[in-house]
Amino acid sequence: MNLKLTRKINIKLNSILVLVALVFSFTSNSQIAFWNFQGESSPATSTADVYNANLDGSQILSRGAGAAASTATNSFRTTGFQNDGIATTNTDYFTFQLSSSNGFLLNVDSINARGTGTATYVASPGVTQQFAYSLDGTNFTLIGSPFLTIGINQDFPTVNTVAITALHNVPSNVIVYFRYYA
């Protein structure tokens, strides 16, 4: 997810289901938030290991009620993703939220992610996935079209959000909620 905080600070989010990272890009590529699941065994939530002061939201990656943690080491895995299609009414999702610190505006330009699953889960015909966003934490809007991946440890196609005006110039008092459905 490419994010910008005005004041000439650009932020890029690289969300990885096995490893989730926010990358800060001003004149360098240093991380602004990073979730590392090494040593975690599918926790209910995971707190970011790195989180930049220019973001003022939750540092928590969590799950919807239908995406309970499964037994696995070094992961944020679930057995809860169902074969029921993708809908914002589903409760099987991963979620996080972002907001900027006072004096900054948040701009989300794209989402880039990497995911993996068990060998049977990611086998052909693959897994359909989609992201959604909300500005109130209740009413979610799916972003773009669902995308399909096959195989373990796959980069997802870039999800372009440049045309979504609700994700640009978001003031610091507004939290943007994101969900990942599969």
N, C-alpha and C. Protein backbone atom coordinates (compact mmCIF):
# COMPACT_ATOMS: atom_id res chain seq x y z
N MET A 1 0.86 -1.14 0.00
CA MET A 1 0.00 0.00 0.00
C MET A 1 0.91 1.21 0.00
N ASN A 2 0.85 2.04 -0.99
CA ASN A 2 1.63 3.26 -0.99
C ASN A 2 0.82 4.32 -0.28
N LEU A 3 1.40 4.92 0.73
CA LEU A 3 0.73 5.93 1.51
C LEU A 3 1.54 7.20 1.47
N LYS A 4 0.87 8.34 1.52
CA LYS A 4 1.57 9.61 1.62
C LYS A 4 1.01 10.37 2.79
N LEU A 5 1.86 10.96 3.55
CA LEU A 5 1.47 11.94 4.54
C LEU A 5 1.96 13.25 3.98
N THR A 6 1.07 14.24 3.83
CA THR A 6 1.54 15.48 3.26
C THR A 6 2.62 16.07 4.15
N ARG A 7 3.22 17.13 3.78
CA ARG A 7 4.46 17.68 4.30
C ARG A 7 5.61 16.96 3.64
N LYS A 8 5.39 16.48 2.42
CA LYS A 8 6.40 15.82 1.61
C LYS A 8 6.93 14.55 2.25
N ILE A 9 6.10 13.87 3.01
CA ILE A 9 6.49 12.59 3.57
C ILE A 9 5.68 11.53 2.84
N ASN A 10 6.34 10.62 2.19
CA ASN A 10 5.68 9.54 1.48
C ASN A 10 5.86 8.25 2.25
N ILE A 11 4.80 7.49 2.31
CA ILE A 11 4.84 6.24 3.04
C ILE A 11 4.37 5.14 2.11
N LYS A 12 5.05 4.03 2.16
CA LYS A 12 4.67 2.88 1.36
C LYS A 12 4.42 1.71 2.30
N LEU A 13 3.27 1.08 2.16
CA LEU A 13 2.95 -0.08 2.99
C LEU A 13 3.12 -1.34 2.17
N ASN A 14 3.88 -2.25 2.68
CA ASN A 14 4.01 -3.55 2.04
C ASN A 14 3.42 -4.55 3.02
N SER A 15 2.18 -4.92 2.82
CA SER A 15 1.48 -5.81 3.75
C SER A 15 1.72 -7.25 3.33
N ILE A 16 2.25 -8.01 4.24
CA ILE A 16 2.53 -9.40 3.95
C ILE A 16 1.82 -10.24 5.01
N LEU A 17 1.06 -11.23 4.60
CA LEU A 17 0.31 -12.02 5.55
C LEU A 17 1.20 -12.86 6.45
N VAL A 18 2.35 -13.22 5.97
CA VAL A 18 3.29 -13.91 6.82
C VAL A 18 4.18 -12.88 7.50
N LEU A 19 4.35 -11.77 6.87
CA LEU A 19 5.17 -10.69 7.37
C LEU A 19 4.55 -9.40 6.86
N VAL A 20 4.17 -8.51 7.75
CA VAL A 20 3.50 -7.28 7.34
C VAL A 20 4.43 -6.11 7.64
N ALA A 21 4.64 -5.24 6.67
CA ALA A 21 5.57 -4.14 6.86
C ALA A 21 5.03 -2.86 6.24
N LEU A 22 5.24 -1.75 6.91
CA LEU A 22 5.02 -0.43 6.36
C LEU A 22 6.39 0.15 6.08
N VAL A 23 6.57 0.72 4.93
CA VAL A 23 7.88 1.26 4.57
C VAL A 23 7.77 2.76 4.39
N PHE A 24 8.62 3.51 5.07
CA PHE A 24 8.65 4.96 4.98
C PHE A 24 9.59 5.36 3.85
N SER A 25 9.13 6.24 2.98
CA SER A 25 9.96 6.64 1.85
C SER A 25 9.98 8.16 1.76
N PHE A 26 11.02 8.77 2.24
CA PHE A 26 11.19 10.23 2.14
C PHE A 26 12.36 10.45 1.20
N THR A 27 13.52 10.26 1.69
CA THR A 27 14.69 10.22 0.82
C THR A 27 15.35 8.85 0.93
N SER A 28 14.74 7.98 1.76
CA SER A 28 15.27 6.63 1.92
C SER A 28 14.09 5.67 2.03
N ASN A 29 14.38 4.40 2.11
CA ASN A 29 13.35 3.39 2.28
C ASN A 29 13.48 2.74 3.65
N SER A 30 13.14 3.45 4.70
CA SER A 30 13.16 2.86 6.03
C SER A 30 11.73 2.48 6.41
N GLN A 31 11.60 1.49 7.25
CA GLN A 31 10.27 1.01 7.62
C GLN A 31 9.60 1.94 8.62
N ILE A 32 8.27 2.10 8.46
CA ILE A 32 7.52 2.86 9.45
C ILE A 32 6.68 1.94 10.32
N ALA A 33 6.35 0.78 9.84
CA ALA A 33 5.67 -0.23 10.65
C ALA A 33 6.01 -1.59 10.10
N PHE A 34 6.12 -2.54 11.00
CA PHE A 34 6.56 -3.85 10.59
C PHE A 34 6.01 -4.89 11.56
N TRP A 35 5.30 -5.86 11.03
CA TRP A 35 4.82 -6.98 11.83
C TRP A 35 5.64 -8.19 11.47
N ASN A 36 6.37 -8.74 12.42
CA ASN A 36 7.19 -9.91 12.20
C ASN A 36 6.62 -11.04 13.05
N PHE A 37 6.20 -12.12 12.43
CA PHE A 37 5.56 -13.21 13.16
C PHE A 37 6.55 -14.29 13.60
N GLN A 38 7.85 -14.05 13.40
CA GLN A 38 8.85 -15.01 13.85
C GLN A 38 8.69 -15.21 15.35
N GLY A 39 8.53 -16.44 15.77
CA GLY A 39 8.37 -16.75 17.19
C GLY A 39 6.94 -16.68 17.67
N GLU A 40 6.01 -16.25 16.81
CA GLU A 40 4.59 -16.21 17.18
C GLU A 40 3.90 -17.45 16.63
N SER A 41 2.94 -17.95 17.36
CA SER A 41 2.19 -19.13 16.92
C SER A 41 0.74 -18.74 16.69
N SER A 42 0.49 -18.14 15.54
CA SER A 42 -0.85 -17.72 15.13
C SER A 42 -1.61 -17.00 16.23
N PRO A 43 -1.09 -15.87 16.70
CA PRO A 43 -1.74 -15.15 17.78
C PRO A 43 -3.08 -14.55 17.32
N ALA A 44 -3.95 -14.23 18.28
CA ALA A 44 -5.22 -13.57 17.95
C ALA A 44 -4.96 -12.19 17.36
N THR A 45 -3.94 -11.50 17.89
CA THR A 45 -3.53 -10.19 17.37
C THR A 45 -2.01 -10.15 17.37
N SER A 46 -1.48 -9.21 16.60
CA SER A 46 -0.03 -9.02 16.56
C SER A 46 0.26 -7.53 16.56
N THR A 47 1.09 -7.11 17.48
CA THR A 47 1.49 -5.71 17.57
C THR A 47 2.69 -5.47 16.67
N ALA A 48 2.68 -4.34 15.97
CA ALA A 48 3.78 -4.00 15.07
C ALA A 48 5.08 -3.96 15.85
N ASP A 49 6.12 -4.53 15.27
CA ASP A 49 7.45 -4.49 15.88
C ASP A 49 8.10 -3.13 15.68
N VAL A 50 7.74 -2.45 14.59
CA VAL A 50 8.21 -1.10 14.28
C VAL A 50 6.99 -0.28 13.91
N TYR A 51 6.89 0.95 14.40
CA TYR A 51 5.76 1.82 14.07
C TYR A 51 6.21 3.28 14.14
N ASN A 52 6.13 3.98 13.03
CA ASN A 52 6.63 5.35 12.92
C ASN A 52 5.73 6.35 13.65
N ALA A 53 6.32 7.36 14.22
CA ALA A 53 5.58 8.38 14.97
C ALA A 53 4.65 9.22 14.10
N ASN A 54 4.82 9.23 12.78
CA ASN A 54 3.93 10.00 11.90
C ASN A 54 2.61 9.29 11.62
N LEU A 55 2.47 8.09 12.13
CA LEU A 55 1.19 7.40 12.10
C LEU A 55 0.66 7.39 13.52
N ASP A 56 -0.63 7.60 13.67
CA ASP A 56 -1.22 7.72 14.99
C ASP A 56 -2.44 6.83 15.08
N GLY A 57 -2.27 5.57 14.77
CA GLY A 57 -3.39 4.64 14.84
C GLY A 57 -2.97 3.41 15.59
N SER A 58 -3.80 2.43 15.54
CA SER A 58 -3.50 1.17 16.19
C SER A 58 -2.30 0.51 15.52
N GLN A 59 -1.50 -0.13 16.31
CA GLN A 59 -0.36 -0.89 15.78
C GLN A 59 -0.69 -2.37 15.71
N ILE A 60 -1.98 -2.68 15.74
CA ILE A 60 -2.45 -4.05 15.87
C ILE A 60 -2.97 -4.62 14.56
N LEU A 61 -2.50 -5.79 14.21
CA LEU A 61 -3.09 -6.59 13.14
C LEU A 61 -3.97 -7.60 13.87
N SER A 62 -5.25 -7.66 13.49
CA SER A 62 -6.16 -8.57 14.18
C SER A 62 -7.02 -9.32 13.18
N ARG A 63 -7.98 -10.06 13.69
CA ARG A 63 -8.80 -10.94 12.88
C ARG A 63 -10.28 -10.65 13.09
N GLY A 64 -11.07 -10.95 12.07
CA GLY A 64 -12.51 -10.95 12.25
C GLY A 64 -12.91 -12.19 13.03
N ALA A 65 -14.13 -12.21 13.55
CA ALA A 65 -14.60 -13.33 14.37
C ALA A 65 -14.54 -14.66 13.64
N GLY A 66 -14.67 -14.66 12.32
CA GLY A 66 -14.66 -15.90 11.55
C GLY A 66 -13.28 -16.34 11.10
N ALA A 67 -12.23 -15.65 11.54
CA ALA A 67 -10.86 -15.98 11.13
C ALA A 67 -10.01 -16.31 12.35
N ALA A 68 -10.49 -17.25 13.14
CA ALA A 68 -9.77 -17.64 14.36
C ALA A 68 -8.37 -18.15 14.02
N ALA A 69 -7.47 -17.98 14.96
CA ALA A 69 -6.09 -18.42 14.77
C ALA A 69 -6.03 -19.94 14.64
N SER A 70 -5.15 -20.42 13.78
CA SER A 70 -4.92 -21.86 13.66
C SER A 70 -3.53 -22.16 14.21
N THR A 71 -3.27 -23.42 14.42
CA THR A 71 -1.99 -23.82 14.97
C THR A 71 -0.93 -23.77 13.88
N ALA A 72 0.01 -22.89 14.06
CA ALA A 72 1.15 -22.78 13.15
C ALA A 72 2.19 -21.89 13.83
N THR A 73 3.44 -22.18 13.59
CA THR A 73 4.49 -21.35 14.17
C THR A 73 4.94 -20.31 13.15
N ASN A 74 5.44 -19.21 13.67
CA ASN A 74 5.98 -18.13 12.85
C ASN A 74 4.97 -17.63 11.82
N SER A 75 3.72 -17.45 12.26
CA SER A 75 2.69 -17.05 11.30
C SER A 75 1.52 -16.35 11.98
N PHE A 76 0.69 -15.76 11.15
CA PHE A 76 -0.59 -15.17 11.55
C PHE A 76 -1.65 -15.89 10.73
N ARG A 77 -1.72 -17.19 10.88
CA ARG A 77 -2.53 -18.06 10.04
C ARG A 77 -3.92 -18.26 10.62
N THR A 78 -4.86 -18.55 9.72
CA THR A 78 -6.22 -18.89 10.12
C THR A 78 -6.72 -20.06 9.29
N THR A 79 -7.61 -20.83 9.84
CA THR A 79 -8.35 -21.82 9.07
C THR A 79 -9.75 -21.30 8.80
N GLY A 80 -9.98 -20.04 9.14
CA GLY A 80 -11.31 -19.46 9.06
C GLY A 80 -11.74 -18.97 7.70
N PHE A 81 -10.83 -18.74 6.76
CA PHE A 81 -11.25 -18.27 5.45
C PHE A 81 -12.12 -19.34 4.80
N GLN A 82 -13.34 -18.98 4.50
CA GLN A 82 -14.34 -19.92 4.00
C GLN A 82 -14.45 -19.83 2.48
N ASN A 83 -15.05 -20.81 1.90
CA ASN A 83 -15.30 -20.84 0.47
C ASN A 83 -16.71 -20.28 0.22
N ASP A 84 -16.96 -19.08 0.74
CA ASP A 84 -18.29 -18.47 0.65
C ASP A 84 -18.29 -17.18 -0.16
N GLY A 85 -17.26 -16.99 -0.96
CA GLY A 85 -17.16 -15.76 -1.74
C GLY A 85 -16.66 -14.63 -0.87
N ILE A 86 -16.38 -13.50 -1.50
CA ILE A 86 -15.89 -12.33 -0.78
C ILE A 86 -17.02 -11.34 -0.64
N ALA A 87 -17.29 -10.94 0.59
CA ALA A 87 -18.33 -9.94 0.87
C ALA A 87 -17.95 -9.21 2.14
N THR A 88 -18.26 -7.94 2.22
CA THR A 88 -17.93 -7.16 3.41
C THR A 88 -18.75 -7.59 4.61
N THR A 89 -19.77 -8.41 4.42
CA THR A 89 -20.56 -8.95 5.53
C THR A 89 -19.91 -10.18 6.13
N ASN A 90 -18.92 -10.76 5.46
CA ASN A 90 -18.22 -11.93 5.99
C ASN A 90 -17.42 -11.53 7.23
N THR A 91 -17.22 -12.47 8.13
CA THR A 91 -16.44 -12.20 9.34
C THR A 91 -15.07 -12.87 9.29
N ASP A 92 -14.73 -13.48 8.15
CA ASP A 92 -13.41 -14.11 8.02
C ASP A 92 -12.48 -13.17 7.27
N TYR A 93 -11.72 -12.37 8.03
CA TYR A 93 -10.82 -11.37 7.45
C TYR A 93 -9.70 -11.06 8.44
N PHE A 94 -8.63 -10.46 7.92
CA PHE A 94 -7.60 -9.83 8.74
C PHE A 94 -7.82 -8.34 8.64
N THR A 95 -7.47 -7.58 9.68
CA THR A 95 -7.73 -6.15 9.68
C THR A 95 -6.65 -5.36 10.40
N PHE A 96 -6.46 -4.14 9.95
CA PHE A 96 -5.59 -3.17 10.63
C PHE A 96 -6.14 -1.79 10.32
N GLN A 97 -5.66 -0.80 11.03
CA GLN A 97 -6.13 0.56 10.80
C GLN A 97 -4.95 1.52 10.80
N LEU A 98 -5.13 2.63 10.07
CA LEU A 98 -4.10 3.65 9.96
C LEU A 98 -4.72 5.03 10.11
N SER A 99 -4.00 5.91 10.72
CA SER A 99 -4.34 7.33 10.72
C SER A 99 -3.04 8.10 10.90
N SER A 100 -3.05 9.32 10.42
CA SER A 100 -1.83 10.13 10.51
C SER A 100 -1.80 10.90 11.82
N SER A 101 -0.61 11.32 12.20
CA SER A 101 -0.45 12.17 13.38
C SER A 101 -0.99 13.56 13.07
N ASN A 102 -1.24 14.35 14.11
CA ASN A 102 -1.73 15.72 13.93
C ASN A 102 -0.81 16.49 12.99
N GLY A 103 -1.42 17.25 12.09
CA GLY A 103 -0.67 18.07 11.14
C GLY A 103 -0.33 17.36 9.84
N PHE A 104 -0.72 16.10 9.70
CA PHE A 104 -0.45 15.33 8.49
C PHE A 104 -1.76 14.89 7.85
N LEU A 105 -1.71 14.64 6.55
CA LEU A 105 -2.82 14.06 5.81
C LEU A 105 -2.36 12.71 5.29
N LEU A 106 -3.25 11.73 5.31
CA LEU A 106 -2.94 10.39 4.84
C LEU A 106 -3.45 10.22 3.42
N ASN A 107 -2.61 9.68 2.54
CA ASN A 107 -2.99 9.37 1.16
C ASN A 107 -2.58 7.94 0.87
N VAL A 108 -3.53 7.13 0.42
CA VAL A 108 -3.27 5.74 0.09
C VAL A 108 -3.34 5.61 -1.42
N ASP A 109 -2.24 5.25 -2.06
CA ASP A 109 -2.18 5.16 -3.52
C ASP A 109 -2.28 3.73 -4.05
N SER A 110 -1.80 2.75 -3.29
CA SER A 110 -1.87 1.36 -3.74
C SER A 110 -1.63 0.43 -2.58
N ILE A 111 -1.99 -0.83 -2.78
CA ILE A 111 -1.75 -1.87 -1.79
C ILE A 111 -0.89 -2.94 -2.45
N ASN A 112 0.20 -3.28 -1.80
CA ASN A 112 1.06 -4.37 -2.24
C ASN A 112 1.16 -5.35 -1.09
N ALA A 113 1.00 -6.63 -1.37
CA ALA A 113 1.02 -7.62 -0.30
C ALA A 113 1.62 -8.92 -0.80
N ARG A 114 1.98 -9.76 0.15
CA ARG A 114 2.47 -11.10 -0.13
C ARG A 114 1.77 -12.04 0.84
N GLY A 115 1.36 -13.18 0.37
CA GLY A 115 0.66 -14.11 1.24
C GLY A 115 1.10 -15.53 1.00
N THR A 116 0.78 -16.37 1.96
CA THR A 116 1.06 -17.79 1.82
C THR A 116 0.00 -18.55 2.59
N GLY A 117 -0.06 -19.80 2.37
CA GLY A 117 -1.01 -20.66 3.06
C GLY A 117 -0.51 -22.08 3.03
N THR A 118 -1.34 -22.99 3.50
CA THR A 118 -0.96 -24.39 3.45
C THR A 118 -0.92 -24.84 1.99
N ALA A 119 -0.23 -25.93 1.73
CA ALA A 119 -0.08 -26.42 0.35
C ALA A 119 -1.43 -26.72 -0.30
N THR A 120 -2.38 -27.24 0.47
CA THR A 120 -3.69 -27.55 -0.11
C THR A 120 -4.51 -26.28 -0.33
N TYR A 121 -4.31 -25.27 0.51
CA TYR A 121 -5.08 -24.03 0.39
C TYR A 121 -4.68 -23.24 -0.85
N VAL A 122 -3.42 -23.26 -1.19
CA VAL A 122 -2.94 -22.44 -2.30
C VAL A 122 -2.77 -23.23 -3.59
N ALA A 123 -3.22 -24.48 -3.60
CA ALA A 123 -3.13 -25.30 -4.81
C ALA A 123 -4.12 -24.80 -5.86
N SER A 124 -3.90 -25.20 -7.10
CA SER A 124 -4.79 -24.83 -8.18
C SER A 124 -6.20 -25.32 -7.85
N PRO A 125 -7.24 -24.53 -8.00
CA PRO A 125 -7.35 -23.36 -8.85
C PRO A 125 -6.93 -22.05 -8.19
N GLY A 126 -6.43 -22.08 -6.94
CA GLY A 126 -5.93 -20.87 -6.31
C GLY A 126 -6.88 -20.26 -5.30
N VAL A 127 -6.48 -19.09 -4.80
CA VAL A 127 -7.23 -18.39 -3.77
C VAL A 127 -7.63 -17.02 -4.31
N THR A 128 -8.90 -16.70 -4.22
CA THR A 128 -9.38 -15.37 -4.59
C THR A 128 -9.32 -14.48 -3.36
N GLN A 129 -8.83 -13.25 -3.54
CA GLN A 129 -8.61 -12.34 -2.43
C GLN A 129 -9.03 -10.93 -2.81
N GLN A 130 -9.31 -10.10 -1.79
CA GLN A 130 -9.65 -8.72 -2.06
C GLN A 130 -9.52 -7.91 -0.76
N PHE A 131 -9.12 -6.66 -0.91
CA PHE A 131 -9.04 -5.74 0.21
C PHE A 131 -10.28 -4.85 0.24
N ALA A 132 -10.56 -4.29 1.42
CA ALA A 132 -11.66 -3.36 1.59
C ALA A 132 -11.19 -2.26 2.54
N TYR A 133 -11.90 -1.13 2.51
CA TYR A 133 -11.57 -0.03 3.42
C TYR A 133 -12.86 0.55 4.00
N SER A 134 -12.71 1.27 5.10
CA SER A 134 -13.82 1.96 5.74
C SER A 134 -13.29 3.20 6.44
N LEU A 135 -14.08 4.24 6.47
CA LEU A 135 -13.72 5.44 7.22
C LEU A 135 -14.46 5.52 8.55
N ASP A 136 -15.37 4.55 8.81
CA ASP A 136 -16.10 4.55 10.07
C ASP A 136 -15.98 3.24 10.84
N GLY A 137 -15.28 2.25 10.27
CA GLY A 137 -15.09 0.97 10.93
C GLY A 137 -16.29 0.03 10.82
N THR A 138 -17.35 0.47 10.16
CA THR A 138 -18.57 -0.33 10.03
C THR A 138 -18.93 -0.60 8.58
N ASN A 139 -18.95 0.44 7.78
CA ASN A 139 -19.34 0.33 6.37
C ASN A 139 -18.08 0.20 5.50
N PHE A 140 -17.85 -1.02 5.00
CA PHE A 140 -16.65 -1.30 4.22
C PHE A 140 -16.97 -1.32 2.73
N THR A 141 -16.01 -0.86 1.94
CA THR A 141 -16.11 -0.85 0.49
C THR A 141 -14.98 -1.70 -0.07
N LEU A 142 -15.33 -2.68 -0.92
CA LEU A 142 -14.30 -3.49 -1.55
C LEU A 142 -13.49 -2.64 -2.51
N ILE A 143 -12.20 -2.89 -2.58
CA ILE A 143 -11.29 -2.13 -3.44
C ILE A 143 -11.02 -2.93 -4.71
N GLY A 144 -11.33 -2.35 -5.85
CA GLY A 144 -11.03 -2.99 -7.13
C GLY A 144 -11.77 -4.31 -7.30
N SER A 145 -11.12 -5.21 -8.02
CA SER A 145 -11.68 -6.53 -8.31
C SER A 145 -10.93 -7.59 -7.52
N PRO A 146 -11.57 -8.72 -7.25
CA PRO A 146 -10.85 -9.81 -6.59
C PRO A 146 -9.67 -10.26 -7.46
N PHE A 147 -8.62 -10.74 -6.83
CA PHE A 147 -7.47 -11.25 -7.57
C PHE A 147 -7.19 -12.67 -7.10
N LEU A 148 -6.53 -13.43 -7.93
CA LEU A 148 -6.29 -14.84 -7.69
C LEU A 148 -4.80 -15.10 -7.56
N THR A 149 -4.41 -15.90 -6.59
CA THR A 149 -3.02 -16.36 -6.49
C THR A 149 -3.01 -17.87 -6.34
N ILE A 150 -1.97 -18.47 -6.87
CA ILE A 150 -1.73 -19.90 -6.75
C ILE A 150 -0.30 -20.08 -6.29
N GLY A 151 -0.09 -20.87 -5.26
CA GLY A 151 1.25 -21.15 -4.80
C GLY A 151 1.58 -20.50 -3.47
N ILE A 152 2.65 -20.97 -2.88
CA ILE A 152 3.10 -20.51 -1.56
C ILE A 152 3.97 -19.28 -1.71
N ASN A 153 3.83 -18.33 -0.76
CA ASN A 153 4.66 -17.13 -0.68
C ASN A 153 4.59 -16.32 -1.98
N GLN A 154 3.41 -15.92 -2.36
CA GLN A 154 3.17 -15.21 -3.61
C GLN A 154 2.99 -13.71 -3.38
N ASP A 155 3.59 -12.89 -4.25
CA ASP A 155 3.28 -11.46 -4.27
C ASP A 155 1.91 -11.29 -4.88
N PHE A 156 1.08 -10.46 -4.28
CA PHE A 156 -0.23 -10.18 -4.84
C PHE A 156 -0.08 -9.11 -5.91
N PRO A 157 -1.00 -9.05 -6.87
CA PRO A 157 -0.98 -7.94 -7.83
C PRO A 157 -1.19 -6.62 -7.08
N THR A 158 -0.56 -5.56 -7.55
CA THR A 158 -0.75 -4.25 -6.93
C THR A 158 -2.21 -3.83 -7.06
N VAL A 159 -2.78 -3.38 -5.95
CA VAL A 159 -4.15 -2.88 -5.93
C VAL A 159 -4.06 -1.35 -5.98
N ASN A 160 -4.46 -0.77 -7.09
CA ASN A 160 -4.35 0.68 -7.29
C ASN A 160 -5.54 1.38 -6.63
N THR A 161 -5.24 2.33 -5.75
CA THR A 161 -6.29 3.08 -5.05
C THR A 161 -6.24 4.57 -5.35
N VAL A 162 -5.48 4.95 -6.38
CA VAL A 162 -5.32 6.37 -6.72
C VAL A 162 -6.67 7.03 -7.00
N ALA A 163 -7.60 6.32 -7.63
CA ALA A 163 -8.89 6.90 -8.00
C ALA A 163 -9.91 6.91 -6.86
N ILE A 164 -9.56 6.35 -5.71
CA ILE A 164 -10.49 6.33 -4.57
C ILE A 164 -10.27 7.60 -3.76
N THR A 165 -11.10 8.60 -4.00
CA THR A 165 -10.91 9.91 -3.35
C THR A 165 -11.02 9.83 -1.83
N ALA A 166 -11.79 8.88 -1.31
CA ALA A 166 -11.94 8.74 0.15
C ALA A 166 -10.62 8.38 0.83
N LEU A 167 -9.66 7.85 0.07
CA LEU A 167 -8.38 7.46 0.65
C LEU A 167 -7.28 8.49 0.42
N HIS A 168 -7.68 9.71 0.05
CA HIS A 168 -6.70 10.77 -0.18
C HIS A 168 -7.03 12.00 0.64
N ASN A 169 -5.98 12.64 1.12
CA ASN A 169 -6.10 13.83 1.98
C ASN A 169 -6.97 13.56 3.19
N VAL A 170 -6.78 12.39 3.79
CA VAL A 170 -7.53 12.00 4.98
C VAL A 170 -6.94 12.73 6.17
N PRO A 171 -7.74 13.55 6.86
CA PRO A 171 -7.21 14.30 8.00
C PRO A 171 -6.83 13.39 9.17
N SER A 172 -6.01 13.91 10.06
CA SER A 172 -5.46 13.12 11.16
C SER A 172 -6.53 12.63 12.14
N ASN A 173 -7.70 13.24 12.17
CA ASN A 173 -8.73 12.79 13.11
C ASN A 173 -9.60 11.67 12.53
N VAL A 174 -9.26 11.17 11.34
CA VAL A 174 -10.02 10.09 10.70
C VAL A 174 -9.17 8.83 10.64
N ILE A 175 -9.73 7.73 11.10
CA ILE A 175 -9.06 6.43 11.03
C ILE A 175 -9.53 5.72 9.77
N VAL A 176 -8.58 5.17 9.03
CA VAL A 176 -8.91 4.36 7.86
C VAL A 176 -8.71 2.91 8.28
N TYR A 177 -9.78 2.12 8.15
CA TYR A 177 -9.78 0.71 8.49
C TYR A 177 -9.60 -0.10 7.22
N PHE A 178 -8.76 -1.12 7.27
CA PHE A 178 -8.53 -1.98 6.12
C PHE A 178 -8.84 -3.43 6.52
N ARG A 179 -9.39 -4.17 5.56
CA ARG A 179 -9.63 -5.59 5.74
C ARG A 179 -9.09 -6.35 4.54
N TYR A 180 -8.64 -7.56 4.81
CA TYR A 180 -8.19 -8.48 3.77
C TYR A 180 -9.10 -9.69 3.83
N TYR A 181 -9.76 -9.98 2.72
CA TYR A 181 -10.64 -11.15 2.60
C TYR A 181 -10.03 -12.17 1.66
N ALA A 182 -10.26 -13.46 1.91
CA ALA A 182 -9.80 -14.51 1.01
C ALA A 182 -10.84 -15.61 0.95
